[in-house]
Amino acid sequence: MKIIHIDNVDPDTLARWEELCSETTLAMQNHVMPYITPISHAVEG
């Protein structure tokens, strides 16, 4: 396996990688949202 420093990555490849990471993050947030239960509630006081 070849390891490449991020400064040496092709800009198009890096842009695609960032796009995939954003899509994956959003998909995971949408997937788990129905299962999240708040454990506290902030009140003004």
PDB file of N, CA and C in Angstrom:
ATOM      1  N   MET A   1       0.846  -1.178   0.000  1.00  0.00           N
ATOM      2  CA  MET A   1       0.000   0.000   0.000  1.00  0.00           C
ATOM      3  C   MET A   1       0.889   1.237   0.000  1.00  0.00           C
ATOM      4  N   LYS A   2       0.550   2.179  -0.865  1.00  0.00           N
ATOM      5  CA  LYS A   2       1.316   3.407  -0.963  1.00  0.00           C
ATOM      6  C   LYS A   2       0.594   4.513  -0.198  1.00  0.00           C
ATOM      7  N   ILE A   3       1.310   5.215   0.658  1.00  0.00           N
ATOM      8  CA  ILE A   3       0.731   6.298   1.435  1.00  0.00           C
ATOM      9  C   ILE A   3       1.160   7.624   0.809  1.00  0.00           C
ATOM     10  N   ILE A   4       0.184   8.488   0.541  1.00  0.00           N
ATOM     11  CA  ILE A   4       0.453   9.773  -0.083  1.00  0.00           C
ATOM     12  C   ILE A   4       0.000  10.881   0.867  1.00  0.00           C
ATOM     13  N   HIS A   5       0.842  11.876   1.059  1.00  0.00           N
ATOM     14  CA  HIS A   5       0.469  13.017   1.897  1.00  0.00           C
ATOM     15  C   HIS A   5      -0.635  13.807   1.196  1.00  0.00           C
ATOM     16  N   ILE A   6      -1.539  14.364   1.972  1.00  0.00           N
ATOM     17  CA  ILE A   6      -2.704  15.059   1.410  1.00  0.00           C
ATOM     18  C   ILE A   6      -2.298  16.216   0.496  1.00  0.00           C
ATOM     19  N   ASP A   7      -1.145  16.833   0.744  1.00  0.00           N
ATOM     20  CA  ASP A   7      -0.692  17.935  -0.110  1.00  0.00           C
ATOM     21  C   ASP A   7      -0.324  17.458  -1.511  1.00  0.00           C
ATOM     22  N   ASN A   8      -0.091  16.166  -1.668  1.00  0.00           N
ATOM     23  CA  ASN A   8       0.311  15.618  -2.958  1.00  0.00           C
ATOM     24  C   ASN A   8      -0.828  14.930  -3.707  1.00  0.00           C
ATOM     25  N   VAL A   9      -2.034  15.034  -3.195  1.00  0.00           N
ATOM     26  CA  VAL A   9      -3.187  14.386  -3.833  1.00  0.00           C
ATOM     27  C   VAL A   9      -3.728  15.296  -4.929  1.00  0.00           C
ATOM     28  N   ASP A  10      -4.123  14.690  -6.019  1.00  0.00           N
ATOM     29  CA  ASP A  10      -4.733  15.414  -7.138  1.00  0.00           C
ATOM     30  C   ASP A  10      -5.951  16.192  -6.630  1.00  0.00           C
ATOM     31  N   PRO A  11      -6.077  17.474  -6.965  1.00  0.00           N
ATOM     32  CA  PRO A  11      -7.202  18.288  -6.479  1.00  0.00           C
ATOM     33  C   PRO A  11      -8.579  17.720  -6.821  1.00  0.00           C
ATOM     34  N   ASP A  12      -8.723  17.111  -7.992  1.00  0.00           N
ATOM     35  CA  ASP A  12     -10.012  16.517  -8.360  1.00  0.00           C
ATOM     36  C   ASP A  12     -10.332  15.317  -7.476  1.00  0.00           C
ATOM     37  N   THR A  13      -9.309  14.519  -7.184  1.00  0.00           N
ATOM     38  CA  THR A  13      -9.494  13.359  -6.307  1.00  0.00           C
ATOM     39  C   THR A  13      -9.847  13.817  -4.899  1.00  0.00           C
ATOM     40  N   LEU A  14      -9.166  14.841  -4.415  1.00  0.00           N
ATOM     41  CA  LEU A  14      -9.436  15.368  -3.085  1.00  0.00           C
ATOM     42  C   LEU A  14     -10.845  15.949  -3.003  1.00  0.00           C
ATOM     43  N   ALA A  15     -11.271  16.654  -4.036  1.00  0.00           N
ATOM     44  CA  ALA A  15     -12.623  17.220  -4.058  1.00  0.00           C
ATOM     45  C   ALA A  15     -13.668  16.107  -4.041  1.00  0.00           C
ATOM     46  N   ARG A  16     -13.426  15.044  -4.813  1.00  0.00           N
ATOM     47  CA  ARG A  16     -14.371  13.911  -4.832  1.00  0.00           C
ATOM     48  C   ARG A  16     -14.411  13.231  -3.476  1.00  0.00           C
ATOM     49  N   TRP A  17     -13.246  13.074  -2.837  1.00  0.00           N
ATOM     50  CA  TRP A  17     -13.175  12.455  -1.516  1.00  0.00           C
ATOM     51  C   TRP A  17     -13.985  13.267  -0.506  1.00  0.00           C
ATOM     52  N   GLU A  18     -13.823  14.591  -0.525  1.00  0.00           N
ATOM     53  CA  GLU A  18     -14.564  15.452   0.402  1.00  0.00           C
ATOM     54  C   GLU A  18     -16.064  15.381   0.131  1.00  0.00           C
ATOM     55  N   GLU A  19     -16.442  15.293  -1.139  1.00  0.00           N
ATOM     56  CA  GLU A  19     -17.860  15.150  -1.499  1.00  0.00           C
ATOM     57  C   GLU A  19     -18.429  13.835  -0.960  1.00  0.00           C
ATOM     58  N   LEU A  20     -17.682  12.750  -1.124  1.00  0.00           N
ATOM     59  CA  LEU A  20     -18.133  11.451  -0.619  1.00  0.00           C
ATOM     60  C   LEU A  20     -18.243  11.454   0.907  1.00  0.00           C
ATOM     61  N   CYS A  21     -17.290  12.088   1.567  1.00  0.00           N
ATOM     62  CA  CYS A  21     -17.348  12.164   3.037  1.00  0.00           C
ATOM     63  C   CYS A  21     -18.578  12.942   3.495  1.00  0.00           C
ATOM     64  N   SER A  22     -18.876  14.039   2.826  1.00  0.00           N
ATOM     65  CA  SER A  22     -20.059  14.833   3.175  1.00  0.00           C
ATOM     66  C   SER A  22     -21.349  14.056   2.930  1.00  0.00           C
ATOM     67  N   GLU A  23     -21.417  13.361   1.805  1.00  0.00           N
ATOM     68  CA  GLU A  23     -22.604  12.556   1.500  1.00  0.00           C
ATOM     69  C   GLU A  23     -22.790  11.445   2.530  1.00  0.00           C
ATOM     70  N   THR A  24     -21.697  10.809   2.906  1.00  0.00           N
ATOM     71  CA  THR A  24     -21.760   9.719   3.883  1.00  0.00           C
ATOM     72  C   THR A  24     -22.192  10.238   5.250  1.00  0.00           C
ATOM     73  N   THR A  25     -21.643  11.376   5.653  1.00  0.00           N
ATOM     74  CA  THR A  25     -22.017  11.970   6.941  1.00  0.00           C
ATOM     75  C   THR A  25     -23.500  12.292   6.977  1.00  0.00           C
ATOM     76  N   LEU A  26     -24.006  12.913   5.927  1.00  0.00           N
ATOM     77  CA  LEU A  26     -25.426  13.268   5.862  1.00  0.00           C
ATOM     78  C   LEU A  26     -26.306  12.017   5.860  1.00  0.00           C
ATOM     79  N   ALA A  27     -25.900  11.002   5.101  1.00  0.00           N
ATOM     80  CA  ALA A  27     -26.680   9.762   5.055  1.00  0.00           C
ATOM     81  C   ALA A  27     -26.734   9.089   6.422  1.00  0.00           C
ATOM     82  N   MET A  28     -25.612   9.085   7.138  1.00  0.00           N
ATOM     83  CA  MET A  28     -25.594   8.458   8.467  1.00  0.00           C
ATOM     84  C   MET A  28     -26.442   9.263   9.457  1.00  0.00           C
ATOM     85  N   GLN A  29     -26.388  10.589   9.376  1.00  0.00           N
ATOM     86  CA  GLN A  29     -27.223  11.415  10.253  1.00  0.00           C
ATOM     87  C   GLN A  29     -28.699  11.128  10.005  1.00  0.00           C
ATOM     88  N   ASN A  30     -29.091  11.062   8.745  1.00  0.00           N
ATOM     89  CA  ASN A  30     -30.481  10.775   8.400  1.00  0.00           C
ATOM     90  C   ASN A  30     -30.886   9.372   8.848  1.00  0.00           C
ATOM     91  N   HIS A  31     -29.960   8.434   8.780  1.00  0.00           N
ATOM     92  CA  HIS A  31     -30.252   7.054   9.166  1.00  0.00           C
ATOM     93  C   HIS A  31     -30.498   6.917  10.667  1.00  0.00           C
ATOM     94  N   VAL A  32     -29.699   7.577  11.483  1.00  0.00           N
ATOM     95  CA  VAL A  32     -29.816   7.399  12.936  1.00  0.00           C
ATOM     96  C   VAL A  32     -30.824   8.337  13.585  1.00  0.00           C
ATOM     97  N   MET A  33     -31.245   9.384  12.882  1.00  0.00           N
ATOM     98  CA  MET A  33     -32.132  10.383  13.487  1.00  0.00           C
ATOM     99  C   MET A  33     -33.384   9.783  14.142  1.00  0.00           C
ATOM    100  N   PRO A  34     -34.058   8.798  13.548  1.00  0.00           N
ATOM    101  CA  PRO A  34     -35.252   8.255  14.199  1.00  0.00           C
ATOM    102  C   PRO A  34     -34.961   7.546  15.526  1.00  0.00           C
ATOM    103  N   TYR A  35     -33.719   7.182  15.765  1.00  0.00           N
ATOM    104  CA  TYR A  35     -33.363   6.416  16.961  1.00  0.00           C
ATOM    105  C   TYR A  35     -32.770   7.275  18.067  1.00  0.00           C
ATOM    106  N   ILE A  36     -32.653   8.581  17.834  1.00  0.00           N
ATOM    107  CA  ILE A  36     -32.044   9.473  18.820  1.00  0.00           C
ATOM    108  C   ILE A  36     -33.100   9.967  19.796  1.00  0.00           C
ATOM    109  N   THR A  37     -32.770   9.874  21.068  1.00  0.00           N
ATOM    110  CA  THR A  37     -33.659  10.366  22.125  1.00  0.00           C
ATOM    111  C   THR A  37     -32.906  11.376  22.969  1.00  0.00           C
ATOM    112  N   PRO A  38     -33.427  12.585  23.100  1.00  0.00           N
ATOM    113  CA  PRO A  38     -32.733  13.573  23.931  1.00  0.00           C
ATOM    114  C   PRO A  38     -32.738  13.127  25.392  1.00  0.00           C
ATOM    115  N   ILE A  39     -31.655  13.400  26.082  1.00  0.00           N
ATOM    116  CA  ILE A  39     -31.569  13.008  27.493  1.00  0.00           C
ATOM    117  C   ILE A  39     -31.585  14.221  28.417  1.00  0.00           C
ATOM    118  N   SER A  40     -31.722  15.413  27.838  1.00  0.00           N
ATOM    119  CA  SER A  40     -31.820  16.619  28.655  1.00  0.00           C
ATOM    120  C   SER A  40     -32.612  17.676  27.898  1.00  0.00           C
ATOM    121  N   HIS A  41     -33.022  18.701  28.614  1.00  0.00           N
ATOM    122  CA  HIS A  41     -33.781  19.783  27.999  1.00  0.00           C
ATOM    123  C   HIS A  41     -33.320  21.088  28.647  1.00  0.00           C
ATOM    124  N   ALA A  42     -32.880  22.020  27.850  1.00  0.00           N
ATOM    125  CA  ALA A  42     -32.418  23.313  28.374  1.00  0.00           C
ATOM    126  C   ALA A  42     -33.614  24.221  28.634  1.00  0.00           C
ATOM    127  N   VAL A  43     -33.606  24.899  29.764  1.00  0.00           N
ATOM    128  CA  VAL A  43     -34.663  25.850  30.098  1.00  0.00           C
ATOM    129  C   VAL A  43     -34.021  27.189  30.458  1.00  0.00           C
ATOM    130  N   GLU A  44     -34.723  28.236  30.131  1.00  0.00           N
ATOM    131  CA  GLU A  44     -34.236  29.555  30.509  1.00  0.00           C
ATOM    132  C   GLU A  44     -34.545  29.787  31.984  1.00  0.00           C
ATOM    133  N   GLY A  45     -33.633  30.393  32.668  1.00  0.00           N
ATOM    134  CA  GLY A  45     -33.923  30.541  34.074  1.00  0.00           C
ATOM    135  C   GLY A  45     -33.303  31.681  34.661  1.00  0.00           C
TER     136      GLY A  45
END
